[in-house]
Amino acid sequence: MKIKYTKRECTDKAKITALLTEERVGIIGFSDKGMPYAVPVNYVWHDGAVYFHGMGSGRKVELLSHAPPVCFTVFRENGTVADPVPCHADTSYLSVMIFGKAERLTDHSLAAGALQAFLEKFLPEYYTEKINGTLTEKYRSSLDGNAVAVYRIIAEEITAKENAAEPKTT
């Protein structure tokens, strides 16, 4: 999974970690019987892995039950880089792609830790009680009656690209 346009390769681990920590939505992509399937998900970068969750049913859960290889992409677009030569106009960005397999967590304490990380990222200081394994084990969705599905992607490979140019409109 080498980046061919090596001029744009980003190897700065601090930048990569910051992007994964700060952004709120990533795209998980995999194959559905040979057909590409990609879906945006809220996620957290926690303990060196990507975690996401959702209802315990649906297309994503069905496809992930087969443990397919996945690609998880996060990006930040910083703006357009103008240039007097139209073909030299560009975009300032940073993107990270994580390749691995998504596994559904069956350990309720691990799932609780991931869900707690979600609360701390998306609703900091809102809840005073911490999520525990009992909640993740016993909670059932009113929509489908299933327990929450919490997944972890452990990176087998991470690539990153960036164009750090200052965006300019004139």
Protein backbone atom coordinates (compact mmCIF):
# COMPACT_ATOMS: atom_id res chain seq x y z
CA MET A 1 0.00 0.00 0.00
CA LYS A 2 2.79 2.40 -0.85
CA ILE A 3 1.90 5.95 -1.77
CA LYS A 4 3.00 6.59 -5.33
CA TYR A 5 3.02 10.38 -5.08
CA THR A 6 5.75 10.31 -2.44
CA LYS A 7 6.01 14.12 -2.43
CA ARG A 8 2.65 14.12 -0.57
CA GLU A 9 3.40 11.27 1.83
CA CYS A 10 3.04 12.23 5.49
CA THR A 11 5.09 10.28 8.01
CA ASP A 12 4.65 12.70 10.92
CA LYS A 13 3.09 10.46 13.59
CA ALA A 14 2.00 13.46 15.66
CA LYS A 15 0.02 14.91 12.71
CA ILE A 16 -1.50 11.52 11.95
CA THR A 17 -2.51 10.94 15.57
CA ALA A 18 -3.91 14.48 15.87
CA LEU A 19 -6.07 14.00 12.77
CA LEU A 20 -7.36 10.62 13.98
CA THR A 21 -8.07 12.05 17.43
CA GLU A 22 -9.74 15.31 16.35
CA GLU A 23 -11.91 14.36 13.40
CA ARG A 24 -15.36 13.00 14.11
CA VAL A 25 -16.35 11.06 10.98
CA GLY A 26 -14.47 8.47 8.98
CA ILE A 27 -15.42 6.32 6.02
CA ILE A 28 -15.24 2.54 6.36
CA GLY A 29 -14.97 0.76 3.05
CA PHE A 30 -15.12 -2.91 2.16
CA SER A 31 -16.48 -5.24 -0.48
CA ASP A 32 -20.00 -6.64 -0.62
CA LYS A 33 -19.87 -9.67 -2.95
CA GLY A 34 -17.39 -7.88 -5.18
CA MET A 35 -19.27 -4.56 -5.06
CA PRO A 36 -17.60 -1.69 -3.15
CA TYR A 37 -19.45 -0.49 -0.06
CA ALA A 38 -18.39 2.55 1.97
CA VAL A 39 -20.25 4.15 4.84
CA PRO A 40 -19.50 7.16 7.04
CA VAL A 41 -19.34 6.47 10.78
CA ASN A 42 -18.63 8.42 13.93
CA TYR A 43 -15.49 6.96 15.47
CA VAL A 44 -12.85 7.35 18.14
CA TRP A 45 -9.12 6.71 17.96
CA HIS A 46 -8.57 4.94 21.28
CA ASP A 47 -5.69 2.82 22.52
CA GLY A 48 -4.10 2.81 19.06
CA ALA A 49 -7.16 1.51 17.22
CA VAL A 50 -10.29 2.82 15.52
CA TYR A 51 -13.59 2.11 17.27
CA PHE A 52 -17.06 2.63 15.88
CA HIS A 53 -20.49 1.45 16.89
CA GLY A 54 -24.05 1.12 15.71
CA MET A 55 -27.21 -0.90 15.92
CA GLY A 56 -26.77 -4.63 16.21
CA SER A 57 -28.44 -5.18 12.83
CA GLY A 58 -28.35 -3.88 9.29
CA ARG A 59 -26.21 -4.15 6.19
CA LYS A 60 -22.98 -2.97 7.84
CA VAL A 61 -23.32 -5.52 10.66
CA GLU A 62 -24.15 -8.31 8.22
CA LEU A 63 -21.16 -7.53 6.01
CA LEU A 64 -18.78 -7.11 8.93
CA SER A 65 -19.86 -10.47 10.39
CA HIS A 66 -17.68 -12.09 7.70
CA ALA A 67 -14.60 -10.19 8.98
CA PRO A 68 -13.67 -8.70 5.62
CA PRO A 69 -10.58 -6.61 5.14
CA VAL A 70 -11.51 -2.96 5.55
CA CYS A 71 -10.10 0.42 4.70
CA PHE A 72 -10.89 3.26 7.08
CA THR A 73 -10.31 6.80 5.77
CA VAL A 74 -10.24 10.09 7.63
CA PHE A 75 -9.47 13.42 6.01
CA ARG A 76 -9.38 17.14 6.65
CA GLU A 77 -9.76 19.54 3.74
CA ASN A 78 -8.16 22.90 4.59
CA GLY A 79 -9.13 24.91 1.52
CA THR A 80 -8.29 25.62 -2.08
CA VAL A 81 -4.82 26.66 -3.14
CA ALA A 82 -5.18 29.14 -6.01
CA ASP A 83 -2.54 29.56 -8.69
CA PRO A 84 -2.33 31.80 -11.79
CA VAL A 85 -2.00 28.60 -13.83
CA PRO A 86 -5.32 26.71 -13.62
CA CYS A 87 -3.66 23.29 -13.74
CA HIS A 88 -1.59 24.23 -10.67
CA ALA A 89 -4.60 25.04 -8.49
CA ASP A 90 -4.83 22.47 -5.71
CA THR A 91 -6.35 21.55 -2.36
CA SER A 92 -4.68 21.75 1.04
CA TYR A 93 -5.48 18.57 3.01
CA LEU A 94 -4.36 15.79 5.29
CA SER A 95 -5.73 12.25 4.89
CA VAL A 96 -5.09 8.96 6.65
CA MET A 97 -6.00 5.47 5.46
CA ILE A 98 -6.00 2.53 7.86
CA PHE A 99 -6.02 -1.00 6.47
CA GLY A 100 -7.02 -3.95 8.66
CA LYS A 101 -9.99 -6.02 9.76
CA ALA A 102 -12.97 -4.86 11.79
CA GLU A 103 -13.79 -7.12 14.71
CA ARG A 104 -16.95 -6.93 16.78
CA LEU A 105 -16.08 -6.68 20.45
CA THR A 106 -17.52 -9.42 22.61
CA ASP A 107 -15.67 -8.34 25.75
CA HIS A 108 -18.13 -6.01 27.47
CA SER A 109 -15.45 -4.15 29.43
CA LEU A 110 -13.54 -3.36 26.20
CA ALA A 111 -16.80 -2.22 24.57
CA ALA A 112 -17.56 -0.05 27.61
CA GLY A 113 -14.10 1.56 27.40
CA ALA A 114 -14.64 2.37 23.72
CA LEU A 115 -18.11 3.80 24.35
CA GLN A 116 -16.73 5.87 27.24
CA ALA A 117 -14.12 7.26 24.81
CA PHE A 118 -17.03 8.23 22.51
CA LEU A 119 -18.73 10.13 25.32
CA GLU A 120 -15.52 11.93 26.23
CA LYS A 121 -14.95 12.93 22.59
CA PHE A 122 -18.48 13.88 21.54
CA LEU A 123 -20.05 14.95 24.86
CA PRO A 124 -17.17 15.92 27.16
CA GLU A 125 -18.20 16.51 30.77
CA TYR A 126 -21.88 15.87 29.98
CA TYR A 127 -22.26 12.55 31.81
CA THR A 128 -20.98 12.10 35.34
CA GLU A 129 -21.27 8.30 35.44
CA LYS A 130 -18.88 6.13 33.45
CA ILE A 131 -20.16 3.41 31.13
CA ASN A 132 -19.54 -0.08 32.45
CA GLY A 133 -19.62 -3.57 30.98
CA THR A 134 -23.00 -4.34 32.53
CA LEU A 135 -24.62 -1.55 30.53
CA THR A 136 -23.12 -2.76 27.25
CA GLU A 137 -24.18 -6.31 28.04
CA LYS A 138 -27.78 -5.57 29.03
CA TYR A 139 -28.76 -2.51 26.95
CA ARG A 140 -31.06 -3.26 24.01
CA SER A 141 -31.99 -0.88 21.20
CA SER A 142 -35.63 0.11 20.96
CA LEU A 143 -35.25 -0.02 17.16
CA ASP A 144 -34.12 -3.61 16.70
CA GLY A 145 -33.94 -5.16 20.18
CA ASN A 146 -30.23 -5.92 19.78
CA ALA A 147 -27.26 -4.94 21.90
CA VAL A 148 -25.08 -2.13 20.59
CA ALA A 149 -22.47 -3.38 18.12
CA VAL A 150 -19.02 -2.02 18.97
CA TYR A 151 -16.21 -2.66 16.49
CA ARG A 152 -12.45 -2.23 16.59
CA ILE A 153 -10.12 -1.88 13.62
CA ILE A 154 -6.55 -2.75 14.48
CA ALA A 155 -4.31 -1.24 11.86
CA GLU A 156 -2.23 -3.63 9.80
CA GLU A 157 -0.99 -0.65 7.80
CA ILE A 158 -1.46 3.11 7.96
CA THR A 159 -0.74 5.51 5.12
CA ALA A 160 -1.10 9.27 5.12
CA LYS A 161 -0.91 12.04 2.52
CA GLU A 162 -0.91 15.78 2.83
CA ASN A 163 -0.62 18.99 0.94
CA ALA A 164 0.31 21.47 3.63
CA ALA A 165 0.14 24.49 1.28
CA GLU A 166 -1.62 27.53 2.67
CA PRO A 167 -5.07 27.85 1.14
CA LYS A 168 -5.42 31.05 -0.94
CA THR A 169 -8.37 32.35 -2.82
CA THR A 170 -6.61 35.11 -4.77
